[in-house]
Amino acid sequence: MFVNVFGLSEGLGINEDDKTVVFEVIKPTLDLFLKRLMEENLKPYVCPFMYLLSEIYGYSNGCRLMLSDVIPESEEMVKLVFKKI
């Protein structure tokens, strides 16, 4: 849905362990916004699509997620780290 319906990136990887879920957003379409954030070393705090992504994942997997960190790996990928609560 994140990729095919909303078109917010070219790909999405999900890595999970007992305590965290990491969404790897590959080639986000918000690249100009992310580039500016990287240049100014800022972290975005609110994005409705990230909220929707975490809610859908949490609902589907019987857990709740809280945004823990945003790691801009490169202009091609950003990692969104969520803690399971």
Protein backbone atom coordinates (compact mmCIF):
# COMPACT_ATOMS: atom_id res chain seq x y z
CA MET A 1 0.00 0.00 0.00
CA PHE A 2 2.81 2.40 0.98
CA VAL A 3 4.60 1.75 -2.33
CA ASN A 4 1.89 0.68 -4.78
CA VAL A 5 -1.07 2.84 -3.69
CA PHE A 6 0.44 5.95 -2.11
CA GLY A 7 3.62 5.89 -4.22
CA LEU A 8 5.73 7.21 -1.34
CA SER A 9 8.80 5.19 -2.28
CA GLU A 10 10.09 2.65 -4.77
CA GLY A 11 10.42 -0.03 -2.12
CA LEU A 12 9.89 -0.83 1.53
CA GLY A 13 11.79 -3.33 3.65
CA ILE A 14 10.68 -4.40 7.12
CA ASN A 15 13.07 -5.84 9.72
CA GLU A 16 11.72 -6.93 13.07
CA ASP A 17 13.01 -8.34 16.34
CA ASP A 18 11.50 -8.72 19.80
CA LYS A 19 11.81 -5.02 20.67
CA THR A 20 11.90 -3.03 17.44
CA VAL A 21 10.57 -2.76 13.91
CA VAL A 22 12.69 -0.99 11.28
CA PHE A 23 11.09 0.21 8.06
CA GLU A 24 13.64 0.76 5.29
CA VAL A 25 12.12 3.27 2.90
CA ILE A 26 13.94 2.78 -0.41
CA LYS A 27 14.16 5.70 -2.83
CA PRO A 28 11.55 7.86 -1.11
CA THR A 29 9.67 10.23 -3.36
CA LEU A 30 10.09 12.92 -0.72
CA ASP A 31 13.77 13.12 -1.67
CA LEU A 32 14.07 16.92 -1.76
CA PHE A 33 12.59 17.16 1.72
CA LEU A 34 14.86 14.39 3.03
CA LYS A 35 17.93 15.95 1.39
CA ARG A 36 17.29 19.24 3.16
CA LEU A 37 16.81 17.42 6.47
CA MET A 38 20.14 15.64 5.98
CA GLU A 39 21.92 18.90 5.09
CA GLU A 40 20.58 20.65 8.17
CA ASN A 41 20.92 17.57 10.41
CA LEU A 42 17.25 17.72 11.37
CA LYS A 43 14.85 14.90 12.14
CA PRO A 44 11.21 15.04 11.11
CA TYR A 45 8.84 14.45 14.00
CA VAL A 46 5.46 13.96 12.38
CA CYS A 47 4.44 12.39 9.09
CA PRO A 48 0.91 11.07 8.66
CA PHE A 49 2.06 8.36 6.27
CA MET A 50 4.59 7.04 8.79
CA TYR A 51 1.83 7.00 11.38
CA LEU A 52 -0.43 5.09 8.99
CA LEU A 53 2.38 2.65 8.19
CA SER A 54 3.01 1.96 11.89
CA GLU A 55 -0.69 1.62 12.67
CA ILE A 56 -1.31 -0.87 9.85
CA TYR A 57 1.74 -2.90 10.85
CA GLY A 58 0.79 -2.84 14.52
CA TYR A 59 -2.80 -3.83 13.82
CA SER A 60 -1.72 -6.68 11.53
CA ASN A 61 0.84 -8.01 14.03
CA GLY A 62 -0.93 -7.43 17.33
CA CYS A 63 1.42 -4.80 18.72
CA ARG A 64 1.74 -1.03 19.07
CA LEU A 65 4.68 0.96 17.74
CA MET A 66 6.31 4.18 18.87
CA LEU A 67 8.72 6.11 16.63
CA SER A 68 12.19 5.88 18.13
CA ASP A 69 14.59 7.18 15.47
CA VAL A 70 14.90 8.35 11.87
CA ILE A 71 18.18 7.40 10.22
CA PRO A 72 18.86 8.89 6.78
CA GLU A 73 21.26 6.28 5.37
CA SER A 74 21.65 8.05 2.03
CA GLU A 75 19.61 9.95 -0.52
CA GLU A 76 18.33 6.54 -1.62
CA MET A 77 17.22 5.14 1.75
CA VAL A 78 15.97 6.19 5.15
CA LYS A 79 15.40 3.89 8.12
CA LEU A 80 12.45 4.48 10.44
CA VAL A 81 13.02 2.77 13.77
CA PHE A 82 10.00 1.97 15.94
CA LYS A 83 9.93 0.46 19.42
CA LYS A 84 7.29 -2.11 20.23
CA ILE A 85 5.19 -1.00 23.18
